[in-house]
Protein backbone atom coordinates (compact mmCIF):
# COMPACT_ATOMS: atom_id res chain seq x y z
CA UNK A 1 48.38 121.85 244.72
CA UNK A 2 50.67 121.96 247.76
CA UNK A 3 51.88 124.93 248.98
CA UNK A 4 55.84 123.82 248.70
CA UNK A 5 54.66 123.50 244.89
CA UNK A 6 53.26 126.44 244.07
CA UNK A 7 56.74 128.05 245.52
CA UNK A 8 58.41 125.85 243.31
CA UNK A 9 56.40 126.62 239.97
CA UNK A 10 56.61 130.06 241.07
CA UNK A 11 60.17 130.09 241.34
CA UNK A 12 60.67 128.79 238.07
CA UNK A 13 57.56 130.88 236.44
CA UNK A 14 59.72 133.64 237.55
CA UNK A 15 63.15 133.02 237.39
CA UNK A 16 62.44 131.96 233.34
CA UNK A 17 59.76 135.28 233.19
CA UNK A 18 62.27 137.61 234.19
CA UNK A 19 65.07 136.11 232.28
CA UNK A 20 62.81 136.39 228.76
CA UNK A 21 61.20 140.01 230.13
CA UNK A 22 63.63 142.58 228.28
CA UNK A 23 64.99 145.82 230.53
CA UNK A 24 66.27 145.84 234.26
CA UNK A 25 63.69 144.35 236.74
CA UNK A 26 64.95 145.48 240.35
CA UNK A 27 63.72 143.02 243.10
CA UNK A 28 66.14 139.65 244.54
CA UNK A 29 64.61 136.24 244.97
CA UNK A 30 61.90 136.98 247.01
CA UNK A 31 60.36 139.25 244.70
CA UNK A 32 61.01 136.47 241.41
CA UNK A 33 59.64 133.87 243.97
CA UNK A 34 56.69 136.33 245.01
CA UNK A 35 56.06 137.67 241.29
CA UNK A 36 55.69 133.73 239.91
CA UNK A 37 53.31 132.70 242.39
CA UNK A 38 50.84 135.60 241.08
CA UNK A 39 52.21 134.49 237.75
CA UNK A 40 50.93 131.39 238.63
CA UNK A 41 47.88 132.72 239.96
CA UNK A 42 46.87 135.47 236.95
CA UNK A 43 47.70 132.33 234.17
CA UNK A 44 46.01 130.01 235.60
CA UNK A 45 42.61 132.42 236.46
CA UNK A 46 42.99 133.51 232.56
CA UNK A 47 43.56 130.27 231.35
CA UNK A 48 40.19 128.54 233.45
CA UNK A 49 38.18 132.19 231.52
CA UNK A 50 39.45 131.16 227.97
CA UNK A 51 38.47 127.14 228.93
CA UNK A 52 35.50 127.22 230.81
CA UNK A 53 33.86 130.81 230.97
CA UNK A 54 33.86 131.10 234.39
CA UNK A 55 35.88 133.45 236.95
CA UNK A 56 37.95 130.84 239.49
CA UNK A 57 40.61 132.26 241.04
CA UNK A 58 42.39 128.66 240.21
CA UNK A 59 46.72 127.86 239.99
CA UNK A 60 48.11 126.24 237.47
CA UNK A 61 49.59 122.58 238.07
CA UNK A 62 53.28 121.49 238.36
CA UNK A 63 53.32 120.55 234.67
CA UNK A 64 54.75 121.30 231.61
CA UNK A 65 52.16 123.39 230.62
CA UNK A 66 51.49 124.94 233.94
CA UNK A 67 55.04 126.34 233.80
CA UNK A 68 54.46 127.82 230.58
CA UNK A 69 51.01 129.09 232.02
CA UNK A 70 52.93 130.50 234.73
CA UNK A 71 55.33 132.18 232.91
CA UNK A 72 52.71 133.90 230.68
CA UNK A 73 51.16 135.01 233.92
CA UNK A 74 54.44 135.87 235.49
CA UNK A 75 55.49 138.40 232.41
CA UNK A 76 51.99 139.67 232.83
CA UNK A 77 52.75 140.51 236.60
CA UNK A 78 56.14 141.61 235.96
CA UNK A 79 54.41 144.01 232.97
CA UNK A 80 51.60 145.34 235.27
CA UNK A 81 54.44 145.51 238.50
CA UNK A 82 56.81 147.80 236.09
CA UNK A 83 53.67 150.01 235.38
CA UNK A 84 52.91 150.64 239.29
CA UNK A 85 55.88 151.35 240.54
CA UNK A 86 57.52 153.52 237.35
CA UNK A 87 58.57 156.81 238.69
CA UNK A 88 57.04 159.98 237.56
CA UNK A 89 58.59 163.16 236.75
CA UNK A 90 57.19 166.02 238.56
CA UNK A 91 57.30 169.09 236.28
C-alpha cells in the first residue's frame, strides 16, 4: 500500500477513533493522523497474528474491513497514548 493510502486511512481511522473514544484527547490533526497510522499498523499486526499465528508488522488495506481494523487499532493507540501521557501526582 502506498504512502498516500496510508495517510488517508490513518486520517480516517484516527478521526473515527477520536470520535468514538470517550473523554478529551489533546492534539490536532497531526496527532489524529499519527495515531491513525499507528493504529492501522497495530490493527493490521493484531489481525495478522490472529489470522496466521505469525508476528509480522503489516498495515491494513484501504477498504471497509481494513478501515474497521484500523479504527480498532487507533482506539488501542489512543488508549496507550492516554496511559503514557497521564500526569501523575507527586505526594
